[in-house]
mmCIF file of all heavy atoms, coordinates in Angstrom:
data_MODEL
# 
_entry.id   MODEL 
# 
loop_
_atom_site.group_PDB 
_atom_site.id 
_atom_site.type_symbol 
_atom_site.label_atom_id 
_atom_site.label_alt_id 
_atom_site.label_comp_id 
_atom_site.label_asym_id 
_atom_site.label_entity_id 
_atom_site.label_seq_id 
_atom_site.pdbx_PDB_ins_code 
_atom_site.Cartn_x 
_atom_site.Cartn_y 
_atom_site.Cartn_z 
_atom_site.occupancy 
_atom_site.B_iso_or_equiv 
_atom_site.pdbx_formal_charge 
_atom_site.auth_seq_id 
_atom_site.auth_comp_id 
_atom_site.auth_asym_id 
_atom_site.auth_atom_id 
_atom_site.pdbx_PDB_model_num 
ATOM 1   N N   . ARG A 1 1  ? -170.749 157.363 -96.244  1.00 0.00 ? 1  ARG A N   1 
ATOM 2   C CA  . ARG A 1 1  ? -170.645 156.490 -95.072  1.00 0.00 ? 1  ARG A CA  1 
ATOM 3   C C   . ARG A 1 1  ? -169.921 157.143 -93.900  1.00 0.00 ? 1  ARG A C   1 
ATOM 4   O O   . ARG A 1 1  ? -169.676 156.488 -92.885  1.00 0.00 ? 1  ARG A O   1 
ATOM 5   C CB  . ARG A 1 1  ? -169.925 155.208 -95.476  1.00 0.00 ? 1  ARG A CB  1 
ATOM 6   C CG  . ARG A 1 1  ? -170.714 154.475 -96.569  1.00 0.00 ? 1  ARG A CG  1 
ATOM 7   C CD  . ARG A 1 1  ? -170.108 153.173 -96.939  1.00 0.00 ? 1  ARG A CD  1 
ATOM 8   N NE  . ARG A 1 1  ? -170.196 152.261 -95.802  1.00 0.00 ? 1  ARG A NE  1 
ATOM 9   C CZ  . ARG A 1 1  ? -169.601 151.088 -95.772  1.00 0.00 ? 1  ARG A CZ  1 
ATOM 10  N NH1 . ARG A 1 1  ? -168.878 150.689 -96.779  1.00 0.00 ? 1  ARG A NH1 1 
ATOM 11  N NH2 . ARG A 1 1  ? -169.721 150.305 -94.725  1.00 0.00 ? 1  ARG A NH2 1 
ATOM 12  N N   . ALA A 1 2  ? -169.542 158.400 -94.007  1.00 0.00 ? 2  ALA A N   1 
ATOM 13  C CA  . ALA A 1 2  ? -168.775 159.074 -92.946  1.00 0.00 ? 2  ALA A CA  1 
ATOM 14  C C   . ALA A 1 2  ? -169.498 158.968 -91.610  1.00 0.00 ? 2  ALA A C   1 
ATOM 15  O O   . ALA A 1 2  ? -170.661 159.339 -91.494  1.00 0.00 ? 2  ALA A O   1 
ATOM 16  C CB  . ALA A 1 2  ? -168.534 160.528 -93.310  1.00 0.00 ? 2  ALA A CB  1 
ATOM 17  N N   . GLU A 1 3  ? -168.808 158.433 -90.626  1.00 0.00 ? 3  GLU A N   1 
ATOM 18  C CA  . GLU A 1 3  ? -169.369 158.251 -89.284  1.00 0.00 ? 3  GLU A CA  1 
ATOM 19  C C   . GLU A 1 3  ? -168.636 159.067 -88.234  1.00 0.00 ? 3  GLU A C   1 
ATOM 20  O O   . GLU A 1 3  ? -169.170 159.296 -87.154  1.00 0.00 ? 3  GLU A O   1 
ATOM 21  C CB  . GLU A 1 3  ? -169.269 156.771 -88.868  1.00 0.00 ? 3  GLU A CB  1 
ATOM 22  C CG  . GLU A 1 3  ? -170.014 155.817 -89.744  1.00 0.00 ? 3  GLU A CG  1 
ATOM 23  C CD  . GLU A 1 3  ? -169.707 154.363 -89.392  1.00 0.00 ? 3  GLU A CD  1 
ATOM 24  O OE1 . GLU A 1 3  ? -168.758 154.099 -88.625  1.00 0.00 ? 3  GLU A OE1 1 
ATOM 25  O OE2 . GLU A 1 3  ? -170.428 153.488 -89.886  1.00 0.00 ? 3  GLU A OE2 1 
ATOM 26  N N   . ALA A 1 4  ? -167.408 159.455 -88.535  1.00 0.00 ? 4  ALA A N   1 
ATOM 27  C CA  . ALA A 1 4  ? -166.594 160.133 -87.517  1.00 0.00 ? 4  ALA A CA  1 
ATOM 28  C C   . ALA A 1 4  ? -165.673 161.155 -88.159  1.00 0.00 ? 4  ALA A C   1 
ATOM 29  O O   . ALA A 1 4  ? -165.430 161.124 -89.371  1.00 0.00 ? 4  ALA A O   1 
ATOM 30  C CB  . ALA A 1 4  ? -165.771 159.106 -86.746  1.00 0.00 ? 4  ALA A CB  1 
ATOM 31  N N   . ARG A 1 5  ? -165.189 162.039 -87.298  1.00 0.00 ? 5  ARG A N   1 
ATOM 32  C CA  . ARG A 1 5  ? -164.136 162.986 -87.673  1.00 0.00 ? 5  ARG A CA  1 
ATOM 33  C C   . ARG A 1 5  ? -162.952 162.670 -86.777  1.00 0.00 ? 5  ARG A C   1 
ATOM 34  O O   . ARG A 1 5  ? -163.045 162.685 -85.557  1.00 0.00 ? 5  ARG A O   1 
ATOM 35  C CB  . ARG A 1 5  ? -164.566 164.430 -87.437  1.00 0.00 ? 5  ARG A CB  1 
ATOM 36  C CG  . ARG A 1 5  ? -165.544 164.959 -88.458  1.00 0.00 ? 5  ARG A CG  1 
ATOM 37  C CD  . ARG A 1 5  ? -164.916 165.254 -89.777  1.00 0.00 ? 5  ARG A CD  1 
ATOM 38  N NE  . ARG A 1 5  ? -164.388 166.604 -89.809  1.00 0.00 ? 5  ARG A NE  1 
ATOM 39  C CZ  . ARG A 1 5  ? -163.768 167.109 -90.846  1.00 0.00 ? 5  ARG A CZ  1 
ATOM 40  N NH1 . ARG A 1 5  ? -163.579 166.409 -91.923  1.00 0.00 ? 5  ARG A NH1 1 
ATOM 41  N NH2 . ARG A 1 5  ? -163.297 168.327 -90.805  1.00 0.00 ? 5  ARG A NH2 1 
ATOM 42  N N   . CYS A 1 6  ? -161.845 162.367 -87.406  1.00 0.00 ? 6  CYS A N   1 
ATOM 43  C CA  . CYS A 1 6  ? -160.599 162.086 -86.701  1.00 0.00 ? 6  CYS A CA  1 
ATOM 44  C C   . CYS A 1 6  ? -159.635 163.181 -87.124  1.00 0.00 ? 6  CYS A C   1 
ATOM 45  O O   . CYS A 1 6  ? -159.044 163.108 -88.200  1.00 0.00 ? 6  CYS A O   1 
ATOM 46  C CB  . CYS A 1 6  ? -160.064 160.714 -87.074  1.00 0.00 ? 6  CYS A CB  1 
ATOM 47  S SG  . CYS A 1 6  ? -161.223 159.359 -86.770  1.00 0.00 ? 6  CYS A SG  1 
ATOM 48  N N   . GLY A 1 7  ? -159.534 164.204 -86.300  1.00 0.00 ? 7  GLY A N   1 
ATOM 49  C CA  . GLY A 1 7  ? -158.776 165.378 -86.719  1.00 0.00 ? 7  GLY A CA  1 
ATOM 50  C C   . GLY A 1 7  ? -159.462 165.989 -87.923  1.00 0.00 ? 7  GLY A C   1 
ATOM 51  O O   . GLY A 1 7  ? -160.667 166.251 -87.898  1.00 0.00 ? 7  GLY A O   1 
ATOM 52  N N   . LEU A 1 8  ? -158.733 166.194 -89.006  1.00 0.00 ? 8  LEU A N   1 
ATOM 53  C CA  . LEU A 1 8  ? -159.309 166.747 -90.234  1.00 0.00 ? 8  LEU A CA  1 
ATOM 54  C C   . LEU A 1 8  ? -159.867 165.665 -91.155  1.00 0.00 ? 8  LEU A C   1 
ATOM 55  O O   . LEU A 1 8  ? -160.392 165.973 -92.224  1.00 0.00 ? 8  LEU A O   1 
ATOM 56  C CB  . LEU A 1 8  ? -158.244 167.544 -91.000  1.00 0.00 ? 8  LEU A CB  1 
ATOM 57  C CG  . LEU A 1 8  ? -157.712 168.785 -90.290  1.00 0.00 ? 8  LEU A CG  1 
ATOM 58  C CD1 . LEU A 1 8  ? -156.599 169.426 -91.122  1.00 0.00 ? 8  LEU A CD1 1 
ATOM 59  C CD2 . LEU A 1 8  ? -158.815 169.771 -90.012  1.00 0.00 ? 8  LEU A CD2 1 
ATOM 60  N N   . TYR A 1 9  ? -159.739 164.421 -90.765  1.00 0.00 ? 9  TYR A N   1 
ATOM 61  C CA  . TYR A 1 9  ? -160.182 163.297 -91.587  1.00 0.00 ? 9  TYR A CA  1 
ATOM 62  C C   . TYR A 1 9  ? -161.635 162.939 -91.319  1.00 0.00 ? 9  TYR A C   1 
ATOM 63  O O   . TYR A 1 9  ? -162.083 162.944 -90.179  1.00 0.00 ? 9  TYR A O   1 
ATOM 64  C CB  . TYR A 1 9  ? -159.346 162.049 -91.282  1.00 0.00 ? 9  TYR A CB  1 
ATOM 65  C CG  . TYR A 1 9  ? -157.964 162.060 -91.880  1.00 0.00 ? 9  TYR A CG  1 
ATOM 66  C CD1 . TYR A 1 9  ? -156.968 162.863 -91.351  1.00 0.00 ? 9  TYR A CD1 1 
ATOM 67  C CD2 . TYR A 1 9  ? -157.654 161.243 -92.962  1.00 0.00 ? 9  TYR A CD2 1 
ATOM 68  C CE1 . TYR A 1 9  ? -155.687 162.851 -91.886  1.00 0.00 ? 9  TYR A CE1 1 
ATOM 69  C CE2 . TYR A 1 9  ? -156.384 161.229 -93.498  1.00 0.00 ? 9  TYR A CE2 1 
ATOM 70  C CZ  . TYR A 1 9  ? -155.401 162.037 -92.962  1.00 0.00 ? 9  TYR A CZ  1 
ATOM 71  O OH  . TYR A 1 9  ? -154.142 162.029 -93.497  1.00 0.00 ? 9  TYR A OH  1 
ATOM 72  N N   . TYR A 1 10 ? -162.349 162.576 -92.385  1.00 0.00 ? 10 TYR A N   1 
ATOM 73  C CA  . TYR A 1 10 ? -163.636 161.904 -92.267  1.00 0.00 ? 10 TYR A CA  1 
ATOM 74  C C   . TYR A 1 10 ? -163.315 160.418 -92.227  1.00 0.00 ? 10 TYR A C   1 
ATOM 75  O O   . TYR A 1 10 ? -162.359 159.965 -92.883  1.00 0.00 ? 10 TYR A O   1 
ATOM 76  C CB  . TYR A 1 10 ? -164.533 162.199 -93.468  1.00 0.00 ? 10 TYR A CB  1 
ATOM 77  C CG  . TYR A 1 10 ? -165.002 163.625 -93.521  1.00 0.00 ? 10 TYR A CG  1 
ATOM 78  C CD1 . TYR A 1 10 ? -164.348 164.570 -94.295  1.00 0.00 ? 10 TYR A CD1 1 
ATOM 79  C CD2 . TYR A 1 10 ? -166.111 164.025 -92.781  1.00 0.00 ? 10 TYR A CD2 1 
ATOM 80  C CE1 . TYR A 1 10 ? -164.782 165.886 -94.336  1.00 0.00 ? 10 TYR A CE1 1 
ATOM 81  C CE2 . TYR A 1 10 ? -166.553 165.338 -92.820  1.00 0.00 ? 10 TYR A CE2 1 
ATOM 82  C CZ  . TYR A 1 10 ? -165.881 166.255 -93.595  1.00 0.00 ? 10 TYR A CZ  1 
ATOM 83  O OH  . TYR A 1 10 ? -166.308 167.550 -93.622  1.00 0.00 ? 10 TYR A OH  1 
ATOM 84  N N   . ALA A 1 11 ? -164.114 159.645 -91.489  1.00 0.00 ? 11 ALA A N   1 
ATOM 85  C CA  . ALA A 1 11 ? -163.783 158.232 -91.361  1.00 0.00 ? 11 ALA A CA  1 
ATOM 86  C C   . ALA A 1 11 ? -165.028 157.385 -91.181  1.00 0.00 ? 11 ALA A C   1 
ATOM 87  O O   . ALA A 1 11 ? -166.079 157.874 -90.748  1.00 0.00 ? 11 ALA A O   1 
ATOM 88  C CB  . ALA A 1 11 ? -162.847 158.027 -90.170  1.00 0.00 ? 11 ALA A CB  1 
ATOM 89  N N   . TYR A 1 12 ? -164.889 156.118 -91.503  1.00 0.00 ? 12 TYR A N   1 
ATOM 90  C CA  . TYR A 1 12 ? -165.903 155.125 -91.171  1.00 0.00 ? 12 TYR A CA  1 
ATOM 91  C C   . TYR A 1 12 ? -165.202 153.786 -90.997  1.00 0.00 ? 12 TYR A C   1 
ATOM 92  O O   . TYR A 1 12 ? -164.067 153.588 -91.430  1.00 0.00 ? 12 TYR A O   1 
ATOM 93  C CB  . TYR A 1 12 ? -167.031 155.065 -92.204  1.00 0.00 ? 12 TYR A CB  1 
ATOM 94  C CG  . TYR A 1 12 ? -166.699 154.425 -93.526  1.00 0.00 ? 12 TYR A CG  1 
ATOM 95  C CD1 . TYR A 1 12 ? -166.890 153.060 -93.721  1.00 0.00 ? 12 TYR A CD1 1 
ATOM 96  C CD2 . TYR A 1 12 ? -166.226 155.182 -94.590  1.00 0.00 ? 12 TYR A CD2 1 
ATOM 97  C CE1 . TYR A 1 12 ? -166.611 152.474 -94.937  1.00 0.00 ? 12 TYR A CE1 1 
ATOM 98  C CE2 . TYR A 1 12 ? -165.950 154.597 -95.804  1.00 0.00 ? 12 TYR A CE2 1 
ATOM 99  C CZ  . TYR A 1 12 ? -166.141 153.247 -95.976  1.00 0.00 ? 12 TYR A CZ  1 
ATOM 100 O OH  . TYR A 1 12 ? -165.857 152.660 -97.181  1.00 0.00 ? 12 TYR A OH  1 
ATOM 101 N N   . MET A 1 13 ? -165.899 152.890 -90.316  1.00 0.00 ? 13 MET A N   1 
ATOM 102 C CA  . MET A 1 13 ? -165.365 151.558 -90.049  1.00 0.00 ? 13 MET A CA  1 
ATOM 103 C C   . MET A 1 13 ? -166.182 150.524 -90.815  1.00 0.00 ? 13 MET A C   1 
ATOM 104 O O   . MET A 1 13 ? -167.390 150.643 -90.934  1.00 0.00 ? 13 MET A O   1 
ATOM 105 C CB  . MET A 1 13 ? -165.437 151.231 -88.553  1.00 0.00 ? 13 MET A CB  1 
ATOM 106 C CG  . MET A 1 13 ? -164.622 152.139 -87.660  1.00 0.00 ? 13 MET A CG  1 
ATOM 107 S SD  . MET A 1 13 ? -162.857 151.855 -87.742  1.00 0.00 ? 13 MET A SD  1 
ATOM 108 C CE  . MET A 1 13 ? -162.719 150.235 -87.008  1.00 0.00 ? 13 MET A CE  1 
ATOM 109 N N   . GLU A 1 14 ? -165.487 149.532 -91.300  1.00 0.00 ? 14 GLU A N   1 
ATOM 110 C CA  . GLU A 1 14 ? -166.112 148.362 -91.916  1.00 0.00 ? 14 GLU A CA  1 
ATOM 111 C C   . GLU A 1 14 ? -165.470 147.164 -91.210  1.00 0.00 ? 14 GLU A C   1 
ATOM 112 O O   . GLU A 1 14 ? -164.329 146.807 -91.509  1.00 0.00 ? 14 GLU A O   1 
ATOM 113 C CB  . GLU A 1 14 ? -165.816 148.356 -93.415  1.00 0.00 ? 14 GLU A CB  1 
ATOM 114 C CG  . GLU A 1 14 ? -166.696 147.456 -94.221  1.00 0.00 ? 14 GLU A CG  1 
ATOM 115 C CD  . GLU A 1 14 ? -166.493 147.701 -95.703  1.00 0.00 ? 14 GLU A CD  1 
ATOM 116 O OE1 . GLU A 1 14 ? -165.600 147.054 -96.293  1.00 0.00 ? 14 GLU A OE1 1 
ATOM 117 O OE2 . GLU A 1 14 ? -167.215 148.550 -96.262  1.00 0.00 ? 14 GLU A OE2 1 
ATOM 118 N N   . GLY A 1 15 ? -166.184 146.628 -90.218  1.00 0.00 ? 15 GLY A N   1 
ATOM 119 C CA  . GLY A 1 15 ? -165.565 145.635 -89.345  1.00 0.00 ? 15 GLY A CA  1 
ATOM 120 C C   . GLY A 1 15 ? -164.496 146.335 -88.522  1.00 0.00 ? 15 GLY A C   1 
ATOM 121 O O   . GLY A 1 15 ? -164.764 147.355 -87.891  1.00 0.00 ? 15 GLY A O   1 
ATOM 122 N N   . ASN A 1 16 ? -163.275 145.827 -88.565  1.00 0.00 ? 16 ASN A N   1 
ATOM 123 C CA  . ASN A 1 16 ? -162.195 146.527 -87.871  1.00 0.00 ? 16 ASN A CA  1 
ATOM 124 C C   . ASN A 1 16 ? -161.285 147.278 -88.851  1.00 0.00 ? 16 ASN A C   1 
ATOM 125 O O   . ASN A 1 16 ? -160.180 147.671 -88.503  1.00 0.00 ? 16 ASN A O   1 
ATOM 126 C CB  . ASN A 1 16 ? -161.386 145.562 -86.991  1.00 0.00 ? 16 ASN A CB  1 
ATOM 127 C CG  . ASN A 1 16 ? -160.524 144.628 -87.808  1.00 0.00 ? 16 ASN A CG  1 
ATOM 128 O OD1 . ASN A 1 16 ? -160.895 144.223 -88.913  1.00 0.00 ? 16 ASN A OD1 1 
ATOM 129 N ND2 . ASN A 1 16 ? -159.373 144.265 -87.269  1.00 0.00 ? 16 ASN A ND2 1 
ATOM 130 N N   . THR A 1 17 ? -161.771 147.477 -90.079  1.00 0.00 ? 17 THR A N   1 
ATOM 131 C CA  . THR A 1 17 ? -161.014 148.236 -91.080  1.00 0.00 ? 17 THR A CA  1 
ATOM 132 C C   . THR A 1 17 ? -161.488 149.682 -91.089  1.00 0.00 ? 17 THR A C   1 
ATOM 133 O O   . THR A 1 17 ? -162.676 149.963 -91.261  1.00 0.00 ? 17 THR A O   1 
ATOM 134 C CB  . THR A 1 17 ? -161.169 147.624 -92.482  1.00 0.00 ? 17 THR A CB  1 
ATOM 135 O OG1 . THR A 1 17 ? -160.717 146.269 -92.444  1.00 0.00 ? 17 THR A OG1 1 
ATOM 136 C CG2 . THR A 1 17 ? -160.365 148.395 -93.509  1.00 0.00 ? 17 THR A CG2 1 
ATOM 137 N N   . LEU A 1 18 ? -160.551 150.576 -90.895  1.00 0.00 ? 18 LEU A N   1 
ATOM 138 C CA  . LEU A 1 18 ? -160.812 152.009 -90.915  1.00 0.00 ? 18 LEU A CA  1 
ATOM 139 C C   . LEU A 1 18 ? -160.538 152.542 -92.312  1.00 0.00 ? 18 LEU A C   1 
ATOM 140 O O   . LEU A 1 18 ? -159.505 152.235 -92.912  1.00 0.00 ? 18 LEU A O   1 
ATOM 141 C CB  . LEU A 1 18 ? -159.885 152.721 -89.926  1.00 0.00 ? 18 LEU A CB  1 
ATOM 142 C CG  . LEU A 1 18 ? -159.894 154.245 -89.990  1.00 0.00 ? 18 LEU A CG  1 
ATOM 143 C CD1 . LEU A 1 18 ? -161.104 154.785 -89.240  1.00 0.00 ? 18 LEU A CD1 1 
ATOM 144 C CD2 . LEU A 1 18 ? -158.607 154.812 -89.423  1.00 0.00 ? 18 LEU A CD2 1 
ATOM 145 N N   . TYR A 1 19 ? -161.472 153.334 -92.834  1.00 0.00 ? 19 TYR A N   1 
ATOM 146 C CA  . TYR A 1 19 ? -161.282 154.083 -94.065  1.00 0.00 ? 19 TYR A CA  1 
ATOM 147 C C   . TYR A 1 19 ? -161.396 155.554 -93.701  1.00 0.00 ? 19 TYR A C   1 
ATOM 148 O O   . TYR A 1 19 ? -162.374 155.950 -93.057  1.00 0.00 ? 19 TYR A O   1 
ATOM 149 C CB  . TYR A 1 19 ? -162.349 153.733 -95.108  1.00 0.00 ? 19 TYR A CB  1 
ATOM 150 C CG  . TYR A 1 19 ? -162.232 152.322 -95.621  1.00 0.00 ? 19 TYR A CG  1 
ATOM 151 C CD1 . TYR A 1 19 ? -162.992 151.293 -95.075  1.00 0.00 ? 19 TYR A CD1 1 
ATOM 152 C CD2 . TYR A 1 19 ? -161.361 152.025 -96.665  1.00 0.00 ? 19 TYR A CD2 1 
ATOM 153 C CE1 . TYR A 1 19 ? -162.886 149.999 -95.550  1.00 0.00 ? 19 TYR A CE1 1 
ATOM 154 C CE2 . TYR A 1 19 ? -161.258 150.724 -97.146  1.00 0.00 ? 19 TYR A CE2 1 
ATOM 155 C CZ  . TYR A 1 19 ? -162.014 149.728 -96.582  1.00 0.00 ? 19 TYR A CZ  1 
ATOM 156 O OH  . TYR A 1 19 ? -161.900 148.438 -97.050  1.00 0.00 ? 19 TYR A OH  1 
ATOM 157 N N   . ALA A 1 20 ? -160.416 156.347 -94.071  1.00 0.00 ? 20 ALA A N   1 
ATOM 158 C CA  . ALA A 1 20 ? -160.435 157.765 -93.716  1.00 0.00 ? 20 ALA A CA  1 
ATOM 159 C C   . ALA A 1 20 ? -159.830 158.593 -94.844  1.00 0.00 ? 20 ALA A C   1 
ATOM 160 O O   . ALA A 1 20 ? -158.949 158.125 -95.569  1.00 0.00 ? 20 ALA A O   1 
ATOM 161 C CB  . ALA A 1 20 ? -159.660 157.988 -92.419  1.00 0.00 ? 20 ALA A CB  1 
ATOM 162 N N   . TRP A 1 21 ? -160.324 159.819 -94.976  1.00 0.00 ? 21 TRP A N   1 
ATOM 163 C CA  . TRP A 1 21 ? -159.801 160.730 -95.990  1.00 0.00 ? 21 TRP A CA  1 
ATOM 164 C C   . TRP A 1 21 ? -159.836 162.151 -95.476  1.00 0.00 ? 21 TRP A C   1 
ATOM 165 O O   . TRP A 1 21 ? -160.654 162.535 -94.662  1.00 0.00 ? 21 TRP A O   1 
ATOM 166 C CB  . TRP A 1 21 ? -160.568 160.610 -97.298  1.00 0.00 ? 21 TRP A CB  1 
ATOM 167 C CG  . TRP A 1 21 ? -161.975 161.113 -97.268  1.00 0.00 ? 21 TRP A CG  1 
ATOM 168 C CD1 . TRP A 1 21 ? -162.428 162.328 -97.695  1.00 0.00 ? 21 TRP A CD1 1 
ATOM 169 C CD2 . TRP A 1 21 ? -163.125 160.431 -96.751  1.00 0.00 ? 21 TRP A CD2 1 
ATOM 170 N NE1 . TRP A 1 21 ? -163.773 162.436 -97.497  1.00 0.00 ? 21 TRP A NE1 1 
ATOM 171 C CE2 . TRP A 1 21 ? -164.223 161.276 -96.908  1.00 0.00 ? 21 TRP A CE2 1 
ATOM 172 C CE3 . TRP A 1 21 ? -163.320 159.177 -96.168  1.00 0.00 ? 21 TRP A CE3 1 
ATOM 173 C CZ2 . TRP A 1 21 ? -165.502 160.922 -96.505  1.00 0.00 ? 21 TRP A CZ2 1 
ATOM 174 C CZ3 . TRP A 1 21 ? -164.593 158.818 -95.765  1.00 0.00 ? 21 TRP A CZ3 1 
ATOM 175 C CH2 . TRP A 1 21 ? -165.666 159.682 -95.941  1.00 0.00 ? 21 TRP A CH2 1 
ATOM 176 N N   . GLN A 1 22 ? -158.900 162.904 -95.974  1.00 0.00 ? 22 GLN A N   1 
ATOM 177 C CA  . GLN A 1 22 ? -158.775 164.320 -95.643  1.00 0.00 ? 22 GLN A CA  1 
ATOM 178 C C   . GLN A 1 22 ? -158.899 165.123 -96.931  1.00 0.00 ? 22 GLN A C   1 
ATOM 179 O O   . GLN A 1 22 ? -158.310 164.750 -97.947  1.00 0.00 ? 22 GLN A O   1 
ATOM 180 C CB  . GLN A 1 22 ? -157.415 164.578 -94.995  1.00 0.00 ? 22 GLN A CB  1 
ATOM 181 C CG  . GLN A 1 22 ? -157.143 166.036 -94.686  1.00 0.00 ? 22 GLN A CG  1 
ATOM 182 C CD  . GLN A 1 22 ? -155.787 166.204 -94.033  1.00 0.00 ? 22 GLN A CD  1 
ATOM 183 O OE1 . GLN A 1 22 ? -155.666 166.024 -92.837  1.00 0.00 ? 22 GLN A OE1 1 
ATOM 184 N NE2 . GLN A 1 22 ? -154.780 166.525 -94.825  1.00 0.00 ? 22 GLN A NE2 1 
ATOM 185 N N   . ALA A 1 23 ? -159.640 166.209 -96.860  1.00 0.00 ? 23 ALA A N   1 
ATOM 186 C CA  . ALA A 1 23 ? -159.839 167.079 -98.026  1.00 0.00 ? 23 ALA A CA  1 
ATOM 187 C C   . ALA A 1 23 ? -158.860 168.253 -97.981  1.00 0.00 ? 23 ALA A C   1 
ATOM 188 O O   . ALA A 1 23 ? -158.564 168.790 -96.916  1.00 0.00 ? 23 ALA A O   1 
ATOM 189 C CB  . ALA A 1 23 ? -161.265 167.604 -98.053  1.00 0.00 ? 23 ALA A CB  1 
ATOM 190 N N   . ASN A 1 24 ? -158.383 168.631 -99.136  1.00 0.00 ? 24 ASN A N   1 
ATOM 191 C CA  . ASN A 1 24 ? -157.452 169.758 -99.220  1.00 0.00 ? 24 ASN A CA  1 
ATOM 192 C C   . ASN A 1 24 ? -158.054 171.027 -98.627  1.00 0.00 ? 24 ASN A C   1 
ATOM 193 O O   . ASN A 1 24 ? -157.350 171.798 -97.968  1.00 0.00 ? 24 ASN A O   1 
ATOM 194 C CB  . ASN A 1 24 ? -157.029 169.992 -100.671 1.00 0.00 ? 24 ASN A CB  1 
ATOM 195 C CG  . ASN A 1 24 ? -155.995 171.090 -100.770 1.00 0.00 ? 24 ASN A CG  1 
ATOM 196 O OD1 . ASN A 1 24 ? -154.898 170.964 -100.245 1.00 0.00 ? 24 ASN A OD1 1 
ATOM 197 N ND2 . ASN A 1 24 ? -156.361 172.175 -101.422 1.00 0.00 ? 24 ASN A ND2 1 
ATOM 198 N N   . ASP A 1 25 ? -159.339 171.280 -98.859  1.00 0.00 ? 25 ASP A N   1 
ATOM 199 C CA  . ASP A 1 25 ? -159.967 172.507 -98.340  1.00 0.00 ? 25 ASP A CA  1 
ATOM 200 C C   . ASP A 1 25 ? -159.886 172.578 -96.819  1.00 0.00 ? 25 ASP A C   1 
ATOM 201 O O   . ASP A 1 25 ? -159.596 173.631 -96.253  1.00 0.00 ? 25 ASP A O   1 
ATOM 202 C CB  . ASP A 1 25 ? -161.429 172.602 -98.784  1.00 0.00 ? 25 ASP A CB  1 
ATOM 203 C CG  . ASP A 1 25 ? -161.571 172.827 -100.280 1.00 0.00 ? 25 ASP A CG  1 
ATOM 204 O OD1 . ASP A 1 25 ? -160.566 173.175 -100.943 1.00 0.00 ? 25 ASP A OD1 1 
ATOM 205 O OD2 . ASP A 1 25 ? -162.684 172.661 -100.791 1.00 0.00 ? 25 ASP A OD2 1 
# 
């Protein structure tokens, strides 16, 4: 579901809830 890159994070929105993760690599 990744829709955006916020710095090193991948992110997506579900309504106004942001889910984001950063990979060690």
